[in-house]
Amino acid sequence: MSGMAPDSSNSSQEEYIPHYLQKEDPFASKLSREADIIAGFYLTIIGILSTLGNGYVIFMSSKRKKKLRPAEIMTVNLAVCDLGISVVGKPFSIISFFSHRWMFGWMGCRWYGWAGFFFGCGSLITMTAVSLDRYLKICHLSYGTWLKRHHAFICLAIIWAYATFWATVPFAGVGNYAPEPFGTSCTLDWWLAQASVAGQVFVLSILFFCLLFPTAVIVFSYVKIILKVKSSTKEVAHYDTRIQNSHILEMKLTKVAMLICAGFLIAWIPYAVVSVWSAFGRPDSVPIQFSVIPTLLAKSAAMYNPIIYQVIDCKFACCQPGGLKAKSSLKKSRTYTISAHRDSTAMNETQLE
């Protein structure tokens, strides 16, 4: 009897047929043509804003590339990831939504899925590194004295290697990329978890190493920062003006980093929840019309960061002595950064609009 149990389990798993094998054409849109057109216009707007915003961040940073500090380099890397999502991925989905079907076949589907996961993973791991930088900078002040540019480039190499590894793992036969249930986009094959134990291991590994673990590090870092700020506010009040101004700038830059991480997670967590339910819930229990909403929300994540830079930087500049005059004079040396040194020279070079 014990020898029959595995066979019974395997047979029940083999009975499951994913949605992309149930129909003759897995790339035909399951939405109405009107819904596809609306989604196409939505993604077009998101893509244009994201490309312009992140492109502008990269362009402004390139003007002073030799002076970029370690955390500024990480900010540029985040903009590169977001720009990559917009330029490499969004045209595929926009064309497909307007065409009322996925137009690029299985090879295009796998490429699109790989690119989206690669740049998305790169963004999240970059934000994880940024949160650690903020945590060490605020909670362990001696950290800022030894971090150099070459450390940042080593960190970048690790980030890109990490994203490349996990995005390429599905091609090694332990996973796959597949069309979404609504047909006009592609993603990781979450439905493999319904079919086999190996598929479950693959999905759980992706969830842990590419979502849960980075998110836990981000939450831990910013919780520690908040606790540190609460305990040190009174101490800072007794310091001289220069140290107080440096502390205010550090806190402001930390808020920028927190908002960036929050925007990314808010955009992606609904999609992650739907994906986990698709992988481990009752097969095909997520309505097709419902599954498209988290997907579209996740695709908007690349647009938020430049908006956060603009809004926070504008607010910061308007609070400076001289108000709009200070804002005008700072435009020539505008920098997007999430790092600042405590000395006055560093503060002059790390100016925000």
Foldseek 3Di string as FASTA:
>chain_A
DVVCVVVVVQVQLQVDDALCVVDPHLFAFPDDLVVLLVLLVLLVVLLVLLQVLLVVQLVLCVVPVVPDWLQLVLVNQLSVLLNQCSPVASVQLSVQSNVNTRDPPQVVQQVNQLSNQLSLLLNLLSLLVSLVVLLCVQVPVCVVVPDGNVNSVVSSVVSNVLSNVLSCVQVVVLWGKDADNRNRHIHTPLQVLSRDPSSVVSVVVCCVPRPVVSVVSNVVSVVSNVVSCVVCVVVQVPDDPLQVVLVVLLVLLVVLSVVLNVLQCVLQVVLVVVSVCCNPNDHPPQDRVRNVVSVSSNSSSSSPNSVSLVVSLLVVQCPDPPRVVSVVVCPVLAHRGSDADSDPVRVVNHHGD
